[in-house]
Amino acid sequence: MNVLLLQLDGKMPNIALMRIAAHHRGQGDFVYLQQVRNKDHDFAPGLFDRWDKVYASLIFTKSQPIAQAVKRAYPDAIIAGSGWNNKRTSDYGIPEEGPRDYSDYPAFRSSIGFSQRGCRLHCGFCKVPEMEGKVHESATIREIWRGGKWPKEIILLDNDFFGSPSWREKISEIKGHGFKVSLSQGVNARLMNEEQAAALASIQYRNDAMTRPCIHTAWDNLGDEKPLFRGLKALKKYGVRPDNITVYMLIGYEQPFLVEADFERHRKLREFGCRPYPMPYVRNDELRGFQRWIVRRADLMIPWDYFKAANYRPERCA
């Protein structure tokens, strides 16, 4: 059987496609993975006139036009992911906790996976509770690591690391085996207590590229200011530099434009020393421009009104 896998977005290896690849290669099938970035892509040119099975995965809804192009090219394609629907590999007979095949990502050196799934919260803009349910265990840190020659670098995709009752054991495992860990989906600083802040500060926390210390968290509502900064101050107390904390800011959720609360969150995070990272719920020019203004740190030099008048392009502000 010839199997085509299409990764429609995301910079990191796609866990679902890695499981599908391992499943089919374990059955002796030929598997070819291709990363697709636009709807005009020429899917797997010159390999086969016909594929026995086609799978496509997308994380973001903005990639749906690409998924629709896949469906036109391959009407029987199996398309899934949070950007399309809530189906998981188990819905297609492939175990959720099955082996992962890294061979389609030869440049990727870290190990990636979930130590737990689910979330304690039920935020209206988030699909995690619907897709993953309540917090439940998935794997140990050692089970996620590829072992052998591979670096002791783990990218955890957990959506609520400290929501797991076994977080202490995981912290001990990370420290005891000298792992560097990227909590790529962030931790909830609003619910973080002193013990958890001290534990997080005690491990080698890194960004996804493993190039610098980094902790991710989020501030989605202005009303969460008090618990958020309680958590941020606890992290700072135990040695985490604020500049090593990236705070995602949901913008454009209740209305598709900027409001004063967005500027207020941005200002307070900069004053504390964190790195704000706006996340537009709706991708229009203003919200994307606000994201670009802050992520590129133009906000430290260029007033927003001036940046906006330059059509949100820092090179036009010279």
Protein backbone atom coordinates (compact mmCIF):
# COMPACT_ATOMS: atom_id res chain seq x y z
CA MET A 1 0.00 0.00 0.00
CA ASN A 2 1.23 3.52 -0.87
CA VAL A 3 0.38 6.11 1.79
CA LEU A 4 0.67 9.90 1.41
CA LEU A 5 0.87 12.06 4.55
CA LEU A 6 0.31 15.81 4.24
CA GLN A 7 1.25 18.22 7.03
CA LEU A 8 -0.67 21.40 6.31
CA ASP A 9 0.75 23.66 9.01
CA GLY A 10 2.89 23.76 12.12
CA LYS A 11 6.66 24.08 12.38
CA MET A 12 7.26 21.09 14.62
CA PRO A 13 6.82 17.40 13.77
CA ASN A 14 3.17 16.40 13.65
CA ILE A 15 2.52 13.75 16.31
CA ALA A 16 -0.58 12.33 14.59
CA LEU A 17 1.23 11.88 11.28
CA MET A 18 4.20 10.33 13.08
CA ARG A 19 1.87 7.73 14.61
CA ILE A 20 0.20 7.08 11.26
CA ALA A 21 3.62 6.66 9.61
CA ALA A 22 4.74 4.19 12.28
CA HIS A 23 1.48 2.25 11.93
CA HIS A 24 1.67 1.88 8.14
CA ARG A 25 5.42 1.25 7.96
CA GLY A 26 4.92 -1.43 10.60
CA GLN A 27 2.60 -3.12 8.11
CA GLY A 28 5.17 -2.90 5.34
CA ASP A 29 3.52 0.01 3.50
CA PHE A 30 5.39 2.74 1.60
CA VAL A 31 4.87 6.08 3.36
CA TYR A 32 5.74 9.53 2.01
CA LEU A 33 5.30 12.71 4.07
CA GLN A 34 5.10 16.15 2.54
CA GLN A 35 4.77 19.53 4.23
CA VAL A 36 2.27 21.73 2.40
CA ARG A 37 2.08 25.47 2.90
CA ASN A 38 -0.37 26.76 0.28
CA LYS A 39 -3.50 25.60 -1.56
CA ASP A 40 -1.70 25.63 -4.94
CA HIS A 41 0.85 23.05 -3.85
CA ASP A 42 1.71 20.21 -6.24
CA PHE A 43 1.05 17.19 -4.05
CA ALA A 44 3.81 14.54 -4.22
CA PRO A 45 4.73 15.21 -7.88
CA GLY A 46 6.08 12.33 -9.93
CA LEU A 47 5.77 9.60 -7.30
CA PHE A 48 2.51 7.79 -7.98
CA ASP A 49 -0.52 8.38 -10.15
CA ARG A 50 -2.65 6.97 -7.37
CA TRP A 51 -2.27 6.74 -3.62
CA ASP A 52 -4.01 3.96 -1.71
CA LYS A 53 -4.48 6.21 1.32
CA VAL A 54 -4.04 9.92 1.91
CA TYR A 55 -4.00 11.55 5.35
CA ALA A 56 -3.82 15.30 5.99
CA SER A 57 -3.46 17.07 9.33
CA LEU A 58 -3.97 20.75 10.21
CA ILE A 59 -3.74 22.53 13.55
CA PHE A 60 -5.08 25.97 12.60
CA THR A 61 -8.39 26.91 11.00
CA LYS A 62 -6.55 29.36 8.76
CA SER A 63 -5.20 26.30 6.92
CA GLN A 64 -8.66 25.10 5.89
CA PRO A 65 -8.32 26.40 2.28
CA ILE A 66 -5.30 24.08 1.93
CA ALA A 67 -7.32 21.17 3.36
CA GLN A 68 -10.10 21.90 0.89
CA ALA A 69 -7.54 21.78 -1.94
CA VAL A 70 -6.41 18.38 -0.64
CA LYS A 71 -10.01 17.20 -0.70
CA ARG A 72 -10.38 18.31 -4.31
CA ALA A 73 -7.20 16.49 -5.31
CA TYR A 74 -7.95 13.40 -3.21
CA PRO A 75 -11.72 13.10 -2.47
CA ASP A 76 -11.17 10.07 -0.21
CA ALA A 77 -8.45 11.74 1.87
CA ILE A 78 -8.74 11.44 5.65
CA ILE A 79 -8.41 14.97 7.02
CA ALA A 80 -8.28 15.69 10.75
CA GLY A 81 -6.72 17.92 13.40
CA SER A 82 -7.91 20.80 15.57
CA GLY A 83 -8.05 23.06 12.51
CA TRP A 84 -10.57 20.77 10.80
CA ASN A 85 -12.43 18.58 13.29
CA ASN A 86 -11.99 16.93 16.68
CA LYS A 87 -11.10 13.47 15.43
CA ARG A 88 -7.97 11.70 16.63
CA THR A 89 -5.88 8.87 15.21
CA SER A 90 -7.78 6.36 17.35
CA ASP A 91 -10.89 7.17 15.30
CA TYR A 92 -9.08 5.56 12.36
CA GLY A 93 -7.82 2.48 14.17
CA ILE A 94 -4.37 3.87 15.03
CA PRO A 95 -3.52 3.90 18.77
CA GLU A 96 -3.19 7.32 20.38
CA GLU A 97 -0.25 6.16 22.47
CA GLY A 98 1.33 4.07 19.74
CA PRO A 99 4.93 4.43 18.48
CA ARG A 100 6.05 7.57 16.64
CA ASP A 101 8.18 7.53 13.50
CA TYR A 102 10.68 10.41 13.43
CA SER A 103 12.27 9.42 10.12
CA ASP A 104 10.30 12.01 8.11
CA TYR A 105 11.86 14.79 10.22
CA PRO A 106 15.60 14.02 9.95
CA ALA A 107 16.70 17.49 11.06
CA PHE A 108 14.66 17.31 14.27
CA ARG A 109 16.89 16.26 17.18
CA SER A 110 14.65 16.63 20.22
CA SER A 111 11.92 14.25 21.38
CA ILE A 112 8.28 15.33 21.38
CA GLY A 113 5.10 14.13 23.02
CA PHE A 114 2.47 14.39 25.76
CA SER A 115 2.99 13.45 29.39
CA GLN A 116 -0.70 14.23 29.98
CA ARG A 117 -3.77 15.27 28.02
CA GLY A 118 -6.75 17.46 28.79
CA CYS A 119 -7.23 20.63 30.84
CA ARG A 120 -8.85 21.74 34.10
CA LEU A 121 -10.46 24.76 32.46
CA HIS A 122 -13.23 25.22 29.87
CA CYS A 123 -12.36 28.41 27.99
CA GLY A 124 -14.82 29.22 25.22
CA PHE A 125 -12.11 29.86 22.63
CA CYS A 126 -10.24 26.59 23.27
CA LYS A 127 -10.90 23.12 21.83
CA VAL A 128 -8.73 21.17 24.26
CA PRO A 129 -11.49 20.12 26.73
CA GLU A 130 -13.71 19.01 23.84
CA MET A 131 -10.93 17.07 22.11
CA GLU A 132 -9.05 15.68 25.11
CA GLY A 133 -11.48 15.78 28.04
CA LYS A 134 -10.41 16.03 31.65
CA VAL A 135 -6.75 15.84 32.66
CA HIS A 136 -5.38 12.31 32.37
CA GLU A 137 -1.93 10.75 32.18
CA SER A 138 -0.29 9.88 28.87
CA ALA A 139 3.41 8.98 29.28
CA THR A 140 6.42 9.45 31.52
CA ILE A 141 9.19 11.81 30.47
CA ARG A 142 11.50 8.83 29.91
CA GLU A 143 8.90 7.20 27.66
CA ILE A 144 8.74 10.34 25.51
CA TRP A 145 12.53 10.54 25.12
CA ARG A 146 13.87 8.62 22.11
CA GLY A 147 16.83 7.44 24.16
CA GLY A 148 20.23 6.34 22.92
CA LYS A 149 22.17 8.94 20.95
CA TRP A 150 19.37 11.51 21.00
CA PRO A 151 19.78 14.70 23.07
CA LYS A 152 18.00 14.84 26.39
CA GLU A 153 15.68 17.49 25.02
CA ILE A 154 11.92 17.11 25.39
CA ILE A 155 9.22 19.23 23.79
CA LEU A 156 6.11 18.65 25.88
CA LEU A 157 2.77 19.32 24.21
CA ASP A 158 0.83 19.15 27.49
CA ASN A 159 -1.89 21.77 27.66
CA ASP A 160 -2.02 21.82 31.49
CA PHE A 161 1.22 20.38 32.92
CA PHE A 162 0.45 21.31 36.54
CA GLY A 163 -3.10 20.02 36.19
CA SER A 164 -1.70 16.50 36.46
CA PRO A 165 -1.64 15.03 39.99
CA SER A 166 1.75 13.51 39.15
CA TRP A 167 3.49 16.78 38.25
CA ARG A 168 5.92 16.38 41.16
CA GLU A 169 7.08 13.00 39.87
CA LYS A 170 7.55 14.48 36.39
CA ILE A 171 9.60 17.38 37.74
CA SER A 172 11.74 14.88 39.66
CA GLU A 173 12.17 12.79 36.50
CA ILE A 174 13.18 15.85 34.45
CA LYS A 175 15.75 16.92 37.04
CA GLY A 176 17.01 13.44 37.86
CA HIS A 177 17.82 12.59 34.25
CA GLY A 178 19.08 16.06 33.24
CA PHE A 179 16.43 16.78 30.62
CA LYS A 180 15.98 20.16 28.99
CA VAL A 181 12.26 20.72 28.56
CA SER A 182 10.13 23.04 26.45
CA LEU A 183 6.62 23.34 27.87
CA SER A 184 5.57 24.53 24.45
CA GLN A 185 1.84 24.93 25.13
CA GLY A 186 2.51 26.98 28.24
CA VAL A 187 1.73 26.70 31.94
CA ASN A 188 -1.13 28.39 33.73
CA ALA A 189 0.50 31.09 35.86
CA ARG A 190 -2.94 32.14 37.15
CA LEU A 191 -3.30 28.82 39.00
CA MET A 192 0.36 28.44 39.93
CA ASN A 193 1.27 28.22 43.61
CA GLU A 194 4.63 28.81 45.27
CA GLU A 195 5.60 25.12 45.23
CA GLN A 196 4.93 24.84 41.50
CA ALA A 197 6.78 28.07 40.72
CA ALA A 198 9.82 26.82 42.65
CA ALA A 199 9.65 23.46 40.86
CA LEU A 200 9.44 25.05 37.43
CA ALA A 201 12.32 27.40 38.21
CA SER A 202 14.45 24.40 39.23
CA ILE A 203 14.43 22.63 35.83
CA GLN A 204 16.13 23.46 32.53
CA TYR A 205 13.17 25.18 30.85
CA ARG A 206 13.79 26.09 27.22
CA ASN A 207 12.15 27.43 24.08
CA ASP A 208 11.19 24.99 21.32
CA ALA A 209 14.59 25.37 19.63
CA MET A 210 16.36 24.68 22.94
CA THR A 211 18.48 27.80 22.41
CA ARG A 212 17.47 29.87 25.46
CA PRO A 213 15.55 29.65 28.75
CA CYS A 214 11.85 30.23 28.16
CA ILE A 215 8.54 29.73 29.95
CA HIS A 216 5.21 30.30 28.20
CA THR A 217 1.99 31.33 29.88
CA ALA A 218 -1.12 33.31 28.90
CA TRP A 219 -3.16 36.36 29.87
CA ASP A 220 -6.43 36.20 27.96
CA ASN A 221 -8.65 38.46 30.09
CA LEU A 222 -7.85 41.73 31.86
CA GLY A 223 -9.80 40.44 34.88
CA ASP A 224 -7.16 37.76 35.46
CA GLU A 225 -4.51 40.34 36.27
CA LYS A 226 -4.25 39.63 40.00
CA PRO A 227 -3.80 35.82 39.86
CA LEU A 228 -1.56 36.09 36.79
CA PHE A 229 0.88 38.50 38.40
CA ARG A 230 0.84 36.49 41.61
CA GLY A 231 2.16 33.57 39.52
CA LEU A 232 4.63 35.73 37.61
CA LYS A 233 6.01 37.21 40.83
CA ALA A 234 6.40 33.73 42.29
CA LEU A 235 8.44 32.65 39.25
CA LYS A 236 10.62 35.73 39.58
CA LYS A 237 11.05 35.07 43.32
CA TYR A 238 12.53 31.64 42.57
CA GLY A 239 14.96 32.91 39.95
CA VAL A 240 13.12 33.09 36.63
CA ARG A 241 14.04 36.27 34.76
CA PRO A 242 10.88 38.05 33.50
CA ASP A 243 12.53 38.42 30.07
CA ASN A 244 12.49 34.62 29.86
CA ILE A 245 8.70 34.53 30.25
CA THR A 246 6.59 34.82 27.09
CA VAL A 247 2.95 35.70 27.79
CA TYR A 248 0.40 34.94 25.10
CA MET A 249 -2.35 37.56 24.83
CA LEU A 250 -5.60 36.53 23.15
CA ILE A 251 -6.91 39.47 21.09
CA GLY A 252 -9.98 39.88 18.90
CA TYR A 253 -12.04 37.15 20.58
CA GLU A 254 -15.13 39.09 21.68
CA GLN A 255 -14.86 41.66 18.88
CA PRO A 256 -12.61 41.69 15.79
CA PHE A 257 -10.68 44.84 16.68
CA LEU A 258 -8.34 46.16 19.36
CA VAL A 259 -9.74 47.47 22.63
CA GLU A 260 -8.15 49.47 25.44
CA ALA A 261 -7.72 46.29 27.51
CA ASP A 262 -5.33 44.92 24.87
CA PHE A 263 -3.05 47.94 25.23
CA GLU A 264 -3.38 47.75 29.02
CA ARG A 265 -2.24 44.11 29.16
CA HIS A 266 0.63 44.89 26.79
CA ARG A 267 1.76 47.85 28.89
CA LYS A 268 1.69 45.97 32.19
CA LEU A 269 3.58 42.99 30.83
CA ARG A 270 6.29 45.20 29.38
CA GLU A 271 6.55 47.04 32.71
CA PHE A 272 7.04 43.72 34.52
CA GLY A 273 9.71 42.74 31.97
CA CYS A 274 7.92 39.84 30.25
CA ARG A 275 7.65 39.27 26.51
CA PRO A 276 4.04 39.81 25.39
CA TYR A 277 2.91 37.75 22.38
CA PRO A 278 -0.51 38.73 20.97
CA MET A 279 -2.53 35.85 19.49
CA PRO A 280 -5.25 37.11 17.11
CA TYR A 281 -8.47 35.12 17.27
CA VAL A 282 -9.46 36.81 14.00
CA ARG A 283 -6.67 37.47 11.52
CA ASN A 284 -7.35 40.93 10.13
CA ASP A 285 -4.83 43.69 9.33
CA GLU A 286 -5.18 45.52 12.63
CA LEU A 287 -4.82 42.50 14.89
CA ARG A 288 -1.97 41.01 12.86
CA GLY A 289 -0.33 44.44 12.82
CA PHE A 290 -0.59 44.65 16.62
CA GLN A 291 1.02 41.22 16.85
CA ARG A 292 3.85 42.28 14.51
CA TRP A 293 4.37 45.54 16.44
CA ILE A 294 4.98 43.67 19.68
CA VAL A 295 6.64 40.43 18.56
CA ARG A 296 9.21 42.34 16.53
CA ARG A 297 9.70 44.62 19.57
CA ALA A 298 8.88 47.67 17.47
CA ASP A 299 6.65 48.74 20.38
CA LEU A 300 9.82 49.58 22.32
CA MET A 301 10.74 52.25 19.76
CA ILE A 302 7.70 53.20 17.67
CA PRO A 303 4.35 54.52 18.98
CA TRP A 304 1.35 52.44 17.91
CA ASP A 305 -0.36 55.29 16.02
CA TYR A 306 2.79 55.86 13.98
CA PHE A 307 3.19 52.13 13.33
CA LYS A 308 -0.45 51.85 12.27
CA ALA A 309 -0.13 54.83 9.92
CA ALA A 310 2.83 53.03 8.30
CA ASN A 311 0.45 50.17 7.43
CA TYR A 312 1.90 48.06 10.24
CA ARG A 313 5.31 47.78 8.57
CA PRO A 314 8.34 48.67 10.74
CA GLU A 315 10.54 49.28 7.68
CA ARG A 316 8.24 52.14 6.69
CA CYS A 317 8.75 53.89 10.01
CA ALA A 318 12.35 54.90 9.36
